[in-house]
Structure formats: C-alpha cells, structure tokens
C-alpha cells in the first residue's frame, strides 16, 4: 500500500493484489504492513483491517477486505478515509460523485466503486466500497 499519504485512493495494483488473496493470505500480509506505518487495528471474522494515521494532519486510512470464507477472494474491500472535522470542503452531491468517479477511473473497469460519506463527532469519513465485477 502507498504509505506516503493516508488520503490516497486504493490503487489498481493494490486492488488486484487484495482481490487475489484468500483470508489467511490477507491476514498474514496485513501483519507485514505494521513495519511500514500500518497497524492491524482489528481482526474480524471477515478478515483483518489495517490502518494508518498521519498524526501531523489528523487524517487516516483504513483498508478492510471482507471475506465470506477462507478459500475465496474477498467479496468487497472497504477503504475508509478519515479527516478531521472541517478539513474537507463541503460534501455536496457533486463532490461525492467526483470522488467516486476519480476512484472508479483509478481502478478501471474490473471494479465497481460506491462512495459513502458520514460525519462523526470529531471527523468525517469517506468510504469507498470496492467490488470486483463478476466478468472481470
């Protein structure tokens, strides 16, 4: 994963790699991110979640593939971008469409991207839900 900026979208290279792994393979590889600034924030029945926080900006990024079982690739990957309240411009419908379109363009036609936005108590979260197209 690109660890230079937590705001980075999931790259096509990362998506291809994650969608080629089984849950045990991902859980093992997730541990390797710890040395490069990533931490395993939680272990779920659906697979490990890794996260990175930039303490100087207060931004963060979490990647969580969701696996149905130990033998198949993930059903989806959730990429959560966290921002301090007020750090983002207003999240209009147009802004959301633009972010989703940029993520879709970045990942290409093998993937489908859906954006969700939420305001929490002290932060805003932009989640990209990435699924692999069945015919890809």
Foldseek 3Di string as FASTA:
>chain_A
DDPPDQVDFQALVNVVVQQVAFQVVQQVVLPVCVVVQKDFPDQDPQHTKIKHADVVFRKMWIKDFGCPDRPHGGQKIKIKIKHFPPPDDDPDVVNLVVVLVVNDVRNDDQKHWDWDWDDDDTIIIIMIIIGGDPVD
